[in-house]
Amino acid sequence: MTDDSTRRKDRWTLALTLVFVASLAVVYAVDEPVLWLGWAVLAVAVSGTVMALFNRKTPQES
């Protein structure tokens, strides 16, 4: 993994963490069961998608 790639992934991780915490605070403040369910489903879907994209194998350079 290159240094630029690592920094890019670190920035994405930080951004996703901030969005996760901010959205969790909103859902906690509103405290609606449907909102909790929607938040949980979206959190799992987004984090799973990002993990899959970050861990894809890239072609080896010759």
N, C-alpha and C. Protein backbone atom coordinates (compact mmCIF):
# COMPACT_ATOMS: atom_id res chain seq x y z
N MET A 1 0.85 -1.17 0.00
CA MET A 1 0.00 0.00 0.00
C MET A 1 0.89 1.23 0.00
N THR A 2 0.56 2.16 -0.84
CA THR A 2 1.37 3.37 -0.93
C THR A 2 1.02 4.33 0.20
N ASP A 3 1.91 5.27 0.40
CA ASP A 3 1.70 6.26 1.45
C ASP A 3 0.48 7.12 1.16
N ASP A 4 0.29 7.52 -0.10
CA ASP A 4 -0.88 8.33 -0.47
C ASP A 4 -2.18 7.56 -0.27
N SER A 5 -2.16 6.28 -0.60
CA SER A 5 -3.34 5.44 -0.44
C SER A 5 -3.70 5.31 1.04
N THR A 6 -2.69 5.17 1.88
CA THR A 6 -2.93 5.06 3.31
C THR A 6 -3.54 6.35 3.85
N ARG A 7 -3.01 7.47 3.45
CA ARG A 7 -3.55 8.76 3.92
C ARG A 7 -4.99 8.95 3.45
N ARG A 8 -5.27 8.57 2.21
CA ARG A 8 -6.62 8.71 1.67
C ARG A 8 -7.60 7.85 2.47
N LYS A 9 -7.21 6.63 2.75
CA LYS A 9 -8.07 5.74 3.52
C LYS A 9 -8.25 6.23 4.95
N ASP A 10 -7.20 6.81 5.52
CA ASP A 10 -7.31 7.37 6.86
C ASP A 10 -8.28 8.55 6.89
N ARG A 11 -8.23 9.38 5.86
CA ARG A 11 -9.17 10.51 5.79
C ARG A 11 -10.61 10.02 5.64
N TRP A 12 -10.81 9.00 4.82
CA TRP A 12 -12.14 8.42 4.67
C TRP A 12 -12.63 7.83 5.99
N THR A 13 -11.74 7.14 6.69
CA THR A 13 -12.11 6.56 7.98
C THR A 13 -12.50 7.64 8.97
N LEU A 14 -11.74 8.72 9.02
CA LEU A 14 -12.06 9.83 9.91
C LEU A 14 -13.41 10.45 9.55
N ALA A 15 -13.63 10.68 8.27
CA ALA A 15 -14.90 11.27 7.82
C ALA A 15 -16.08 10.37 8.17
N LEU A 16 -15.94 9.08 7.92
CA LEU A 16 -17.03 8.16 8.24
C LEU A 16 -17.29 8.09 9.74
N THR A 17 -16.24 8.16 10.53
CA THR A 17 -16.40 8.14 11.98
C THR A 17 -17.14 9.39 12.46
N LEU A 18 -16.78 10.55 11.92
CA LEU A 18 -17.46 11.79 12.30
C LEU A 18 -18.93 11.77 11.90
N VAL A 19 -19.22 11.29 10.69
CA VAL A 19 -20.61 11.20 10.24
C VAL A 19 -21.38 10.20 11.10
N PHE A 20 -20.76 9.08 11.43
CA PHE A 20 -21.37 8.06 12.27
C PHE A 20 -21.75 8.65 13.63
N VAL A 21 -20.81 9.35 14.27
CA VAL A 21 -21.07 9.92 15.60
C VAL A 21 -22.13 11.02 15.54
N ALA A 22 -22.05 11.88 14.52
CA ALA A 22 -23.03 12.96 14.39
C ALA A 22 -24.43 12.40 14.16
N SER A 23 -24.54 11.41 13.28
CA SER A 23 -25.86 10.83 13.00
C SER A 23 -26.38 10.07 14.22
N LEU A 24 -25.49 9.44 14.96
CA LEU A 24 -25.90 8.75 16.19
C LEU A 24 -26.44 9.74 17.21
N ALA A 25 -25.81 10.90 17.33
CA ALA A 25 -26.28 11.92 18.27
C ALA A 25 -27.68 12.41 17.89
N VAL A 26 -27.93 12.58 16.60
CA VAL A 26 -29.26 13.02 16.15
C VAL A 26 -30.30 11.96 16.46
N VAL A 27 -30.00 10.72 16.15
CA VAL A 27 -30.96 9.63 16.40
C VAL A 27 -31.20 9.48 17.89
N TYR A 28 -30.17 9.62 18.69
CA TYR A 28 -30.31 9.53 20.14
C TYR A 28 -31.21 10.65 20.67
N ALA A 29 -31.04 11.86 20.14
CA ALA A 29 -31.84 13.00 20.60
C ALA A 29 -33.31 12.84 20.22
N VAL A 30 -33.57 12.34 19.02
CA VAL A 30 -34.96 12.18 18.56
C VAL A 30 -35.61 10.98 19.24
N ASP A 31 -34.87 9.89 19.39
CA ASP A 31 -35.30 8.69 20.11
C ASP A 31 -36.60 8.08 19.58
N GLU A 32 -36.63 7.85 18.28
CA GLU A 32 -37.75 7.16 17.65
C GLU A 32 -37.29 5.76 17.23
N PRO A 33 -38.06 4.72 17.55
CA PRO A 33 -37.64 3.36 17.20
C PRO A 33 -37.39 3.15 15.71
N VAL A 34 -38.22 3.74 14.86
CA VAL A 34 -38.04 3.57 13.42
C VAL A 34 -36.74 4.23 12.97
N LEU A 35 -36.42 5.36 13.56
CA LEU A 35 -35.17 6.04 13.24
C LEU A 35 -33.96 5.21 13.67
N TRP A 36 -34.06 4.58 14.85
CA TRP A 36 -32.97 3.72 15.31
C TRP A 36 -32.75 2.55 14.34
N LEU A 37 -33.84 1.96 13.90
CA LEU A 37 -33.74 0.84 12.97
C LEU A 37 -33.13 1.28 11.64
N GLY A 38 -33.60 2.39 11.12
CA GLY A 38 -33.04 2.91 9.87
C GLY A 38 -31.58 3.27 10.01
N TRP A 39 -31.22 3.89 11.13
CA TRP A 39 -29.83 4.26 11.37
C TRP A 39 -28.95 3.01 11.42
N ALA A 40 -29.41 1.98 12.13
CA ALA A 40 -28.62 0.76 12.26
C ALA A 40 -28.41 0.08 10.90
N VAL A 41 -29.46 0.00 10.12
CA VAL A 41 -29.35 -0.63 8.80
C VAL A 41 -28.39 0.16 7.91
N LEU A 42 -28.52 1.47 7.90
CA LEU A 42 -27.63 2.30 7.08
C LEU A 42 -26.18 2.24 7.57
N ALA A 43 -25.98 2.22 8.87
CA ALA A 43 -24.62 2.15 9.42
C ALA A 43 -23.94 0.85 9.00
N VAL A 44 -24.65 -0.25 9.07
CA VAL A 44 -24.08 -1.54 8.67
C VAL A 44 -23.83 -1.56 7.17
N ALA A 45 -24.77 -1.07 6.39
CA ALA A 45 -24.60 -1.08 4.93
C ALA A 45 -23.43 -0.21 4.49
N VAL A 46 -23.33 0.98 5.04
CA VAL A 46 -22.25 1.89 4.65
C VAL A 46 -20.90 1.36 5.10
N SER A 47 -20.80 0.92 6.35
CA SER A 47 -19.50 0.42 6.82
C SER A 47 -19.09 -0.85 6.08
N GLY A 48 -20.03 -1.72 5.79
CA GLY A 48 -19.70 -2.93 5.03
C GLY A 48 -19.25 -2.62 3.61
N THR A 49 -19.92 -1.67 2.98
CA THR A 49 -19.53 -1.27 1.62
C THR A 49 -18.14 -0.66 1.60
N VAL A 50 -17.88 0.22 2.55
CA VAL A 50 -16.56 0.86 2.61
C VAL A 50 -15.47 -0.17 2.89
N MET A 51 -15.72 -1.11 3.79
CA MET A 51 -14.71 -2.15 4.06
C MET A 51 -14.46 -2.99 2.82
N ALA A 52 -15.51 -3.34 2.11
CA ALA A 52 -15.33 -4.14 0.90
C ALA A 52 -14.54 -3.38 -0.16
N LEU A 53 -14.84 -2.10 -0.33
CA LEU A 53 -14.11 -1.30 -1.32
C LEU A 53 -12.65 -1.11 -0.93
N PHE A 54 -12.38 -0.89 0.34
CA PHE A 54 -11.00 -0.68 0.78
C PHE A 54 -10.17 -1.95 0.73
N ASN A 55 -10.80 -3.10 0.83
CA ASN A 55 -10.06 -4.35 0.88
C ASN A 55 -10.04 -5.11 -0.44
N ARG A 56 -10.53 -4.48 -1.50
CA ARG A 56 -10.46 -5.12 -2.82
C ARG A 56 -9.01 -5.26 -3.23
N LYS A 57 -8.73 -6.33 -3.91
CA LYS A 57 -7.37 -6.51 -4.43
C LYS A 57 -7.20 -5.65 -5.67
N THR A 58 -6.08 -4.99 -5.75
CA THR A 58 -5.77 -4.19 -6.93
C THR A 58 -4.73 -4.93 -7.74
N PRO A 59 -4.72 -4.73 -9.05
CA PRO A 59 -3.74 -5.43 -9.89
C PRO A 59 -2.31 -5.03 -9.50
N GLN A 60 -1.44 -6.01 -9.54
CA GLN A 60 -0.03 -5.77 -9.25
C GLN A 60 0.62 -5.05 -10.42
N GLU A 61 1.42 -4.06 -10.12
CA GLU A 61 2.15 -3.38 -11.18
C GLU A 61 3.37 -4.20 -11.56
N SER A 62 3.66 -4.25 -12.85
CA SER A 62 4.80 -5.03 -13.33
C SER A 62 6.06 -4.21 -13.31
